[in-house]
Amino acid sequence: MQQVTINFSILFILLFSVISCNKPAEKASSDKKTKNEVLVLGTIHGGHLTDSVYNIDYLQKLITEINPDYILTEIPPKAFKTAMDGFKRDDSISEPRTMRFPEYVDVIFPLSKKMKFEIIPTAGWTKYMAAQRGAKLRAIRQDTSRADDWAEYVKGNKFSDSLYLASGKVNNPYFIHTNEYDSIQDIGLQTYNTLFNDELGLGGWENINIAHYWNIEKALEKHRYQGKRILITYGAGHKGWFLKELRKRDDIELLEMKPFLDAIE
């Protein structure tokens, strides 16, 4: 009887040891966090209506292939409710700012009826900011004492455009989603930024990107570690700026666009 008791005690100790050893592993497993996947889709706005390749149909196929859980958009939060209410009521978009973007009017809002993603407005744009920026740029252009600045700005844009044209890949969705494209765009945009960002206030290139990205970050933080797929959709010129910031985060997995482009070819 004593031998049985001793054996049982040994068995109990061994079993307790095994369970105790497993607890840290179980805890580590439960604490493991699933990163969200993030993609940045560079759009060409009105160009989607006329381009022979990167058009509305192509965008529909691409976003369907990506199959996001959330789509972060270049729509101001204050404009979004009006846009969505109108879409639900009339099956069309009548909100003025949103109407400027075929990628939303003709693709993302209609797709939301048959796909299960949430549209999140993240644009830092305001009507006042845009009006002030336009007025300040007109004043700079007309100011003879700023002729050199304006000439440098125009030169930077022309050089950037010439490199883009020389690539032979204008509006090519593969090329748009490369670092080379971002570098070409950056030539003109950084000239613009260096010359005028501070002067243009909230409408400056760096400043508006900060405003956009602040809203993007709020969305990323809200849905952090949910194991979801998040698609950021902005004009392609913003893509390089956003990617630079997104690469600093260790809580997301940045996905390349190429596999999704390949999938719809």
C-alpha atoms as a PDB file:
ATOM      1  CA  MET A   1       0.000   0.000   0.000  1.00  0.00           C
ATOM      2  CA  GLN A   2       2.854   2.312   0.889  1.00  0.00           C
ATOM      3  CA  GLN A   3       4.514   1.550  -2.462  1.00  0.00           C
ATOM      4  CA  VAL A   4       1.296   2.431  -4.308  1.00  0.00           C
ATOM      5  CA  THR A   5       1.038   5.707  -2.401  1.00  0.00           C
ATOM      6  CA  ILE A   6       4.639   6.600  -3.208  1.00  0.00           C
ATOM      7  CA  ASN A   7       4.144   5.756  -6.889  1.00  0.00           C
ATOM      8  CA  PHE A   8       0.988   7.846  -7.003  1.00  0.00           C
ATOM      9  CA  SER A   9       2.810  10.769  -5.388  1.00  0.00           C
ATOM     10  CA  ILE A  10       5.609  10.531  -7.926  1.00  0.00           C
ATOM     11  CA  LEU A  11       3.083  10.367 -10.763  1.00  0.00           C
ATOM     12  CA  PHE A  12       1.264  13.419  -9.410  1.00  0.00           C
ATOM     13  CA  ILE A  13       4.514  15.390  -9.135  1.00  0.00           C
ATOM     14  CA  LEU A  14       5.496  14.454 -12.678  1.00  0.00           C
ATOM     15  CA  LEU A  15       2.071  15.384 -14.020  1.00  0.00           C
ATOM     16  CA  PHE A  16       2.147  18.719 -12.194  1.00  0.00           C
ATOM     17  CA  SER A  17       5.611  19.406 -13.600  1.00  0.00           C
ATOM     18  CA  VAL A  18       4.448  18.724 -17.160  1.00  0.00           C
ATOM     19  CA  ILE A  19       1.422  20.996 -16.747  1.00  0.00           C
ATOM     20  CA  SER A  20       3.569  23.721 -15.209  1.00  0.00           C
ATOM     21  CA  CYS A  21       6.076  23.488 -18.042  1.00  0.00           C
ATOM     22  CA  ASN A  22       3.296  23.792 -20.605  1.00  0.00           C
ATOM     23  CA  LYS A  23       1.785  26.913 -19.054  1.00  0.00           C
ATOM     24  CA  PRO A  24       4.448  29.358 -20.297  1.00  0.00           C
ATOM     25  CA  ALA A  25       4.114  27.925 -23.807  1.00  0.00           C
ATOM     26  CA  GLU A  26       0.337  28.214 -23.646  1.00  0.00           C
ATOM     27  CA  LYS A  27       0.594  31.768 -22.349  1.00  0.00           C
ATOM     28  CA  ALA A  28       3.081  32.688 -25.068  1.00  0.00           C
ATOM     29  CA  SER A  29       0.728  31.232 -27.647  1.00  0.00           C
ATOM     30  CA  SER A  30      -2.261  33.161 -26.308  1.00  0.00           C
ATOM     31  CA  ASP A  31      -0.213  36.361 -26.143  1.00  0.00           C
ATOM     32  CA  LYS A  32       0.898  36.039 -29.749  1.00  0.00           C
ATOM     33  CA  LYS A  33      -0.609  38.908 -31.737  1.00  0.00           C
ATOM     34  CA  THR A  34      -1.691  38.683 -35.351  1.00  0.00           C
ATOM     35  CA  LYS A  35      -0.515  41.607 -37.427  1.00  0.00           C
ATOM     36  CA  ASN A  36      -2.800  43.302 -39.908  1.00  0.00           C
ATOM     37  CA  GLU A  37      -1.816  43.144 -43.566  1.00  0.00           C
ATOM     38  CA  VAL A  38      -1.609  46.566 -45.211  1.00  0.00           C
ATOM     39  CA  LEU A  39      -1.459  47.516 -48.889  1.00  0.00           C
ATOM     40  CA  VAL A  40      -1.250  50.968 -50.450  1.00  0.00           C
ATOM     41  CA  LEU A  41      -3.122  51.322 -53.735  1.00  0.00           C
ATOM     42  CA  GLY A  42      -2.038  54.299 -55.837  1.00  0.00           C
ATOM     43  CA  THR A  43      -4.931  55.670 -57.868  1.00  0.00           C
ATOM     44  CA  ILE A  44      -4.984  58.025 -60.864  1.00  0.00           C
ATOM     45  CA  HIS A  45      -8.368  59.612 -60.121  1.00  0.00           C
ATOM     46  CA  GLY A  46      -9.969  60.810 -63.370  1.00  0.00           C
ATOM     47  CA  GLY A  47      -7.441  58.797 -65.343  1.00  0.00           C
ATOM     48  CA  HIS A  48      -9.334  55.646 -64.414  1.00  0.00           C
ATOM     49  CA  LEU A  49     -12.180  56.829 -66.640  1.00  0.00           C
ATOM     50  CA  THR A  50     -10.029  57.039 -69.765  1.00  0.00           C
ATOM     51  CA  ASP A  51      -7.009  54.769 -69.377  1.00  0.00           C
ATOM     52  CA  SER A  52      -7.043  51.672 -71.565  1.00  0.00           C
ATOM     53  CA  VAL A  53      -5.603  49.435 -68.828  1.00  0.00           C
ATOM     54  CA  TYR A  54      -5.796  51.006 -65.372  1.00  0.00           C
ATOM     55  CA  ASN A  55      -9.492  51.701 -65.708  1.00  0.00           C
ATOM     56  CA  ILE A  56     -12.648  51.176 -63.669  1.00  0.00           C
ATOM     57  CA  ASP A  57     -13.002  47.501 -64.601  1.00  0.00           C
ATOM     58  CA  TYR A  58      -9.371  46.854 -63.714  1.00  0.00           C
ATOM     59  CA  LEU A  59      -9.789  48.513 -60.325  1.00  0.00           C
ATOM     60  CA  GLN A  60     -12.892  46.460 -59.602  1.00  0.00           C
ATOM     61  CA  LYS A  61     -11.033  43.239 -60.353  1.00  0.00           C
ATOM     62  CA  LEU A  62      -8.001  44.310 -58.344  1.00  0.00           C
ATOM     63  CA  ILE A  63      -9.908  45.284 -55.215  1.00  0.00           C
ATOM     64  CA  THR A  64     -12.002  42.132 -55.455  1.00  0.00           C
ATOM     65  CA  GLU A  65      -8.781  40.111 -55.622  1.00  0.00           C
ATOM     66  CA  ILE A  66      -7.271  41.971 -52.665  1.00  0.00           C
ATOM     67  CA  ASN A  67     -10.460  41.297 -50.679  1.00  0.00           C
ATOM     68  CA  PRO A  68      -9.832  43.835 -47.902  1.00  0.00           C
ATOM     69  CA  ASP A  69     -11.579  44.056 -44.555  1.00  0.00           C
ATOM     70  CA  TYR A  70     -11.126  47.822 -44.383  1.00  0.00           C
ATOM     71  CA  ILE A  71     -10.557  50.404 -47.114  1.00  0.00           C
ATOM     72  CA  LEU A  72      -9.009  53.686 -46.001  1.00  0.00           C
ATOM     73  CA  THR A  73     -10.016  56.414 -48.416  1.00  0.00           C
ATOM     74  CA  GLU A  74      -9.080  59.896 -49.598  1.00  0.00           C
ATOM     75  CA  ILE A  75     -12.465  61.119 -48.413  1.00  0.00           C
ATOM     76  CA  PRO A  76     -12.672  63.661 -45.563  1.00  0.00           C
ATOM     77  CA  PRO A  77     -14.514  62.316 -42.503  1.00  0.00           C
ATOM     78  CA  LYS A  78     -16.968  65.234 -42.591  1.00  0.00           C
ATOM     79  CA  ALA A  79     -17.909  64.437 -46.199  1.00  0.00           C
ATOM     80  CA  PHE A  80     -18.199  60.696 -45.759  1.00  0.00           C
ATOM     81  CA  LYS A  81     -21.536  60.513 -43.962  1.00  0.00           C
ATOM     82  CA  THR A  82     -23.183  62.655 -46.637  1.00  0.00           C
ATOM     83  CA  ALA A  83     -21.645  60.504 -49.363  1.00  0.00           C
ATOM     84  CA  MET A  84     -22.692  57.231 -47.749  1.00  0.00           C
ATOM     85  CA  ASP A  85     -26.200  58.432 -46.882  1.00  0.00           C
ATOM     86  CA  GLY A  86     -26.708  59.552 -50.472  1.00  0.00           C
ATOM     87  CA  PHE A  87     -25.389  56.264 -51.808  1.00  0.00           C
ATOM     88  CA  LYS A  88     -27.713  54.233 -49.596  1.00  0.00           C
ATOM     89  CA  ARG A  89     -30.654  56.415 -50.557  1.00  0.00           C
ATOM     90  CA  ASP A  90     -30.061  56.935 -54.283  1.00  0.00           C
ATOM     91  CA  ASP A  91     -27.523  54.244 -55.178  1.00  0.00           C
ATOM     92  CA  SER A  92     -25.234  57.049 -56.367  1.00  0.00           C
ATOM     93  CA  ILE A  93     -22.802  59.624 -54.996  1.00  0.00           C
ATOM     94  CA  SER A  94     -23.759  63.295 -54.917  1.00  0.00           C
ATOM     95  CA  GLU A  95     -21.372  64.607 -52.245  1.00  0.00           C
ATOM     96  CA  PRO A  96     -19.128  67.089 -54.142  1.00  0.00           C
ATOM     97  CA  ARG A  97     -15.701  66.091 -52.813  1.00  0.00           C
ATOM     98  CA  THR A  98     -16.266  62.350 -53.142  1.00  0.00           C
ATOM     99  CA  MET A  99     -17.622  62.808 -56.662  1.00  0.00           C
ATOM    100  CA  ARG A 100     -14.138  63.877 -57.776  1.00  0.00           C
ATOM    101  CA  PHE A 101     -12.861  60.321 -57.324  1.00  0.00           C
ATOM    102  CA  PRO A 102     -14.075  57.664 -59.803  1.00  0.00           C
ATOM    103  CA  GLU A 103     -12.306  55.021 -57.736  1.00  0.00           C
ATOM    104  CA  TYR A 104     -14.919  55.624 -55.036  1.00  0.00           C
ATOM    105  CA  VAL A 105     -17.978  56.595 -57.073  1.00  0.00           C
ATOM    106  CA  ASP A 106     -17.686  53.796 -59.643  1.00  0.00           C
ATOM    107  CA  VAL A 107     -15.720  51.137 -57.799  1.00  0.00           C
ATOM    108  CA  ILE A 108     -15.475  51.110 -54.017  1.00  0.00           C
ATOM    109  CA  PHE A 109     -18.959  52.280 -53.045  1.00  0.00           C
ATOM    110  CA  PRO A 110     -20.639  49.887 -55.524  1.00  0.00           C
ATOM    111  CA  LEU A 111     -18.374  47.017 -54.422  1.00  0.00           C
ATOM    112  CA  SER A 112     -19.384  47.641 -50.809  1.00  0.00           C
ATOM    113  CA  LYS A 113     -22.820  46.258 -51.676  1.00  0.00           C
ATOM    114  CA  LYS A 114     -21.455  42.796 -52.411  1.00  0.00           C
ATOM    115  CA  MET A 115     -18.190  42.670 -50.469  1.00  0.00           C
ATOM    116  CA  LYS A 116     -17.815  42.788 -46.703  1.00  0.00           C
ATOM    117  CA  PHE A 117     -15.350  45.624 -46.233  1.00  0.00           C
ATOM    118  CA  GLU A 118     -15.758  48.790 -44.216  1.00  0.00           C
ATOM    119  CA  ILE A 119     -15.002  52.135 -45.860  1.00  0.00           C
ATOM    120  CA  ILE A 120     -13.065  54.474 -43.561  1.00  0.00           C
ATOM    121  CA  PRO A 121     -12.615  58.173 -44.453  1.00  0.00           C
ATOM    122  CA  THR A 122      -9.085  59.382 -43.681  1.00  0.00           C
ATOM    123  CA  ALA A 123      -8.400  62.479 -45.813  1.00  0.00           C
ATOM    124  CA  GLY A 124      -7.036  65.538 -44.034  1.00  0.00           C
ATOM    125  CA  TRP A 125      -8.366  67.770 -46.816  1.00  0.00           C
ATOM    126  CA  THR A 126     -10.764  70.625 -46.064  1.00  0.00           C
ATOM    127  CA  LYS A 127     -12.444  73.069 -48.419  1.00  0.00           C
ATOM    128  CA  TYR A 128     -10.941  76.007 -46.533  1.00  0.00           C
ATOM    129  CA  MET A 129      -7.439  74.548 -46.766  1.00  0.00           C
ATOM    130  CA  ALA A 130      -7.790  73.966 -50.506  1.00  0.00           C
ATOM    131  CA  ALA A 131      -9.070  77.507 -51.095  1.00  0.00           C
ATOM    132  CA  GLN A 132      -6.221  79.020 -49.084  1.00  0.00           C
ATOM    133  CA  ARG A 133      -3.639  76.909 -50.897  1.00  0.00           C
ATOM    134  CA  GLY A 134      -5.003  77.911 -54.286  1.00  0.00           C
ATOM    135  CA  ALA A 135      -5.010  81.589 -53.378  1.00  0.00           C
ATOM    136  CA  LYS A 136      -1.457  81.478 -52.027  1.00  0.00           C
ATOM    137  CA  LEU A 137      -0.133  79.654 -55.090  1.00  0.00           C
ATOM    138  CA  ARG A 138      -1.767  82.205 -57.388  1.00  0.00           C
ATOM    139  CA  ALA A 139      -0.191  85.010 -55.387  1.00  0.00           C
ATOM    140  CA  ILE A 140       3.248  83.396 -55.592  1.00  0.00           C
ATOM    141  CA  ARG A 141       2.913  82.865 -59.342  1.00  0.00           C
ATOM    142  CA  GLN A 142       1.945  86.504 -59.893  1.00  0.00           C
ATOM    143  CA  ASP A 143       4.616  87.922 -57.592  1.00  0.00           C
ATOM    144  CA  THR A 144       7.525  89.068 -59.776  1.00  0.00           C
ATOM    145  CA  SER A 145       9.895  88.860 -56.812  1.00  0.00           C
ATOM    146  CA  ARG A 146       9.139  85.119 -56.617  1.00  0.00           C
ATOM    147  CA  ALA A 147       9.771  84.429 -60.302  1.00  0.00           C
ATOM    148  CA  ASP A 148      12.832  82.291 -59.572  1.00  0.00           C
ATOM    149  CA  ASP A 149      10.931  80.165 -57.057  1.00  0.00           C
ATOM    150  CA  TRP A 150       8.079  79.612 -59.472  1.00  0.00           C
ATOM    151  CA  ALA A 151      10.460  78.778 -62.311  1.00  0.00           C
ATOM    152  CA  GLU A 152      12.218  76.209 -60.107  1.00  0.00           C
ATOM    153  CA  TYR A 153       8.867  74.672 -59.180  1.00  0.00           C
ATOM    154  CA  VAL A 154       7.811  74.415 -62.830  1.00  0.00           C
ATOM    155  CA  LYS A 155      11.213  72.993 -63.777  1.00  0.00           C
ATOM    156  CA  GLY A 156      10.954  70.295 -61.103  1.00  0.00           C
ATOM    157  CA  ASN A 157       7.503  69.278 -62.312  1.00  0.00           C
ATOM    158  CA  LYS A 158       8.590  69.172 -65.937  1.00  0.00           C
ATOM    159  CA  PHE A 159      11.648  67.083 -65.121  1.00  0.00           C
ATOM    160  CA  SER A 160       9.559  64.629 -63.095  1.00  0.00           C
ATOM    161  CA  ASP A 161       6.984  64.410 -65.894  1.00  0.00           C
ATOM    162  CA  SER A 162       9.697  63.872 -68.512  1.00  0.00           C
ATOM    163  CA  LEU A 163      11.169  60.951 -66.575  1.00  0.00           C
ATOM    164  CA  TYR A 164       7.721  59.448 -66.177  1.00  0.00           C
ATOM    165  CA  LEU A 165       7.029  59.744 -69.902  1.00  0.00           C
ATOM    166  CA  ALA A 166      10.469  58.355 -70.750  1.00  0.00           C
ATOM    167  CA  SER A 167       9.699  55.240 -68.713  1.00  0.00           C
ATOM    168  CA  GLY A 168       7.086  54.307 -71.305  1.00  0.00           C
ATOM    169  CA  LYS A 169       4.875  53.139 -68.457  1.00  0.00           C
ATOM    170  CA  VAL A 170       2.496  56.028 -67.867  1.00  0.00           C
ATOM    171  CA  ASN A 171      -0.500  54.843 -65.811  1.00  0.00           C
ATOM    172  CA  ASN A 172       0.860  51.299 -65.845  1.00  0.00           C
ATOM    173  CA  PRO A 173      -0.443  49.792 -62.584  1.00  0.00           C
ATOM    174  CA  TYR A 174       2.672  47.650 -62.175  1.00  0.00           C
ATOM    175  CA  PHE A 175       4.969  50.653 -62.544  1.00  0.00           C
ATOM    176  CA  ILE A 176       2.836  52.857 -60.302  1.00  0.00           C
ATOM    177  CA  HIS A 177       3.368  50.349 -57.504  1.00  0.00           C
ATOM    178  CA  THR A 178       7.174  50.475 -57.577  1.00  0.00           C
ATOM    179  CA  ASN A 179       9.810  52.431 -55.689  1.00  0.00           C
ATOM    180  CA  GLU A 180      11.028  53.804 -59.023  1.00  0.00           C
ATOM    181  CA  TYR A 181       7.679  55.470 -59.625  1.00  0.00           C
ATOM    182  CA  ASP A 182       7.748  56.987 -56.139  1.00  0.00           C
ATOM    183  CA  SER A 183      11.262  58.326 -56.748  1.00  0.00           C
ATOM    184  CA  ILE A 184      10.225  59.984 -60.012  1.00  0.00           C
ATOM    185  CA  GLN A 185       7.187  61.599 -58.417  1.00  0.00           C
ATOM    186  CA  ASP A 186       9.303  62.730 -55.499  1.00  0.00           C
ATOM    187  CA  ILE A 187      11.475  64.921 -57.733  1.00  0.00           C
ATOM    188  CA  GLY A 188       8.692  67.376 -58.503  1.00  0.00           C
ATOM    189  CA  LEU A 189       6.915  66.997 -55.186  1.00  0.00           C
ATOM    190  CA  GLN A 190       9.990  67.639 -53.058  1.00  0.00           C
ATOM    191  CA  THR A 191      10.820  70.762 -55.051  1.00  0.00           C
ATOM    192  CA  TYR A 192       7.272  71.955 -54.416  1.00  0.00           C
ATOM    193  CA  ASN A 193       7.578  70.968 -50.771  1.00  0.00           C
ATOM    194  CA  THR A 194      10.916  72.700 -50.175  1.00  0.00           C
ATOM    195  CA  LEU A 195       9.797  75.926 -51.815  1.00  0.00           C
ATOM    196  CA  PHE A 196       6.262  76.288 -50.532  1.00  0.00           C
ATOM    197  CA  ASN A 197       5.317  73.862 -47.733  1.00  0.00           C
ATOM    198  CA  ASP A 198       5.641  76.282 -44.819  1.00  0.00           C
ATOM    199  CA  GLU A 199       4.127  79.128 -46.790  1.00  0.00           C
ATOM    200  CA  LEU A 200       1.080  77.098 -47.809  1.00  0.00           C
ATOM    201  CA  GLY A 201       0.324  76.128 -44.225  1.00  0.00           C
ATOM    202  CA  LEU A 202      -2.051  73.188 -43.926  1.00  0.00           C
ATOM    203  CA  GLY A 203      -2.126  72.899 -47.716  1.00  0.00           C
ATOM    204  CA  GLY A 204       1.619  72.331 -48.063  1.00  0.00           C
ATOM    205  CA  TRP A 205       2.722  68.957 -49.415  1.00  0.00           C
ATOM    206  CA  GLU A 206       4.340  67.700 -46.215  1.00  0.00           C
ATOM    207  CA  ASN A 207       1.601  69.217 -44.101  1.00  0.00           C
ATOM    208  CA  ILE A 208      -1.317  67.677 -45.985  1.00  0.00           C
ATOM    209  CA  ASN A 209       0.371  64.278 -45.952  1.00  0.00           C
ATOM    210  CA  ILE A 210       0.810  64.585 -42.194  1.00  0.00           C
ATOM    211  CA  ALA A 211      -2.901  65.396 -41.904  1.00  0.00           C
ATOM    212  CA  HIS A 212      -3.860  62.422 -44.090  1.00  0.00           C
ATOM    213  CA  TYR A 213      -1.531  60.068 -42.254  1.00  0.00           C
ATOM    214  CA  TRP A 214      -2.740  61.177 -38.839  1.00  0.00           C
ATOM    215  CA  ASN A 215      -6.190  59.853 -39.774  1.00  0.00           C
ATOM    216  CA  ILE A 216      -4.673  56.724 -41.305  1.00  0.00           C
ATOM    217  CA  GLU A 217      -2.770  56.045 -38.092  1.00  0.00           C
ATOM    218  CA  LYS A 218      -5.940  56.460 -36.044  1.00  0.00           C
ATOM    219  CA  ALA A 219      -7.571  53.733 -38.128  1.00  0.00           C
ATOM    220  CA  LEU A 220      -4.513  51.478 -37.864  1.00  0.00           C
ATOM    221  CA  GLU A 221      -4.446  51.899 -34.092  1.00  0.00           C
ATOM    222  CA  LYS A 222      -8.169  51.248 -33.743  1.00  0.00           C
ATOM    223  CA  HIS A 223      -7.885  47.930 -35.587  1.00  0.00           C
ATOM    224  CA  ARG A 224      -4.441  46.967 -34.332  1.00  0.00           C
ATOM    225  CA  TYR A 225      -3.590  43.247 -34.161  1.00  0.00           C
ATOM    226  CA  GLN A 226      -6.919  42.074 -35.550  1.00  0.00           C
ATOM    227  CA  GLY A 227      -5.374  39.941 -38.289  1.00  0.00           C
ATOM    228  CA  LYS A 228      -7.275  41.922 -40.916  1.00  0.00           C
ATOM    229  CA  ARG A 229      -6.354  43.193 -44.376  1.00  0.00           C
ATOM    230  CA  ILE A 230      -6.330  46.971 -44.752  1.00  0.00           C
ATOM    231  CA  LEU A 231      -6.231  48.692 -48.137  1.00  0.00           C
ATOM    232  CA  ILE A 232      -5.164  52.351 -48.276  1.00  0.00           C
ATOM    233  CA  THR A 233      -6.409  54.129 -51.417  1.00  0.00           C
ATOM    234  CA  TYR A 234      -4.997  57.547 -52.311  1.00  0.00           C
ATOM    235  CA  GLY A 235      -3.694  59.381 -55.329  1.00  0.00           C
ATOM    236  CA  ALA A 236      -0.495  57.641 -56.418  1.00  0.00           C
ATOM    237  CA  GLY A 237       1.653  60.669 -55.580  1.00  0.00           C
ATOM    238  CA  HIS A 238       0.947  60.134 -51.877  1.00  0.00           C
ATOM    239  CA  LYS A 239       1.975  56.482 -51.944  1.00  0.00           C
ATOM    240  CA  GLY A 240       5.712  56.968 -51.421  1.00  0.00           C
ATOM    241  CA  TRP A 241       5.177  59.313 -48.472  1.00  0.00           C
ATOM    242  CA  PHE A 242       2.803  56.886 -46.779  1.00  0.00           C
ATOM    243  CA  LEU A 243       5.025  53.862 -47.363  1.00  0.00           C
ATOM    244  CA  LYS A 244       7.973  55.649 -45.769  1.00  0.00           C
ATOM    245  CA  GLU A 245       5.923  56.101 -42.598  1.00  0.00           C
ATOM    246  CA  LEU A 246       4.263  52.689 -42.687  1.00  0.00           C
ATOM    247  CA  ARG A 247       7.653  50.968 -42.883  1.00  0.00           C
ATOM    248  CA  LYS A 248       8.436  52.374 -39.442  1.00  0.00           C
ATOM    249  CA  ARG A 249       5.648  50.326 -37.868  1.00  0.00           C
ATOM    250  CA  ASP A 250       6.338  46.881 -36.445  1.00  0.00           C
ATOM    251  CA  ASP A 251       2.693  45.981 -35.863  1.00  0.00           C
ATOM    252  CA  ILE A 252       1.697  45.531 -39.517  1.00  0.00           C
ATOM    253  CA  GLU A 253       2.782  43.435 -42.473  1.00  0.00           C
ATOM    254  CA  LEU A 254       3.162  45.547 -45.600  1.00  0.00           C
ATOM    255  CA  LEU A 255       2.162  43.582 -48.674  1.00  0.00           C
ATOM    256  CA  GLU A 256       3.398  44.174 -52.208  1.00  0.00           C
ATOM    257  CA  MET A 257       0.780  44.905 -54.855  1.00  0.00           C
ATOM    258  CA  LYS A 258       2.429  42.798 -57.569  1.00  0.00           C
ATOM    259  CA  PRO A 259       0.992  39.389 -56.576  1.00  0.00           C
ATOM    260  CA  PHE A 260      -2.521  40.820 -56.741  1.00  0.00           C
ATOM    261  CA  LEU A 261      -1.824  42.472 -60.086  1.00  0.00           C
ATOM    262  CA  ASP A 262      -0.482  39.158 -61.380  1.00  0.00           C
ATOM    263  CA  ALA A 263      -3.601  37.359 -60.180  1.00  0.00           C
ATOM    264  CA  ILE A 264      -5.948  39.411 -62.370  1.00  0.00           C
ATOM    265  CA  GLU A 265      -3.864  39.325 -65.542  1.00  0.00           C
END
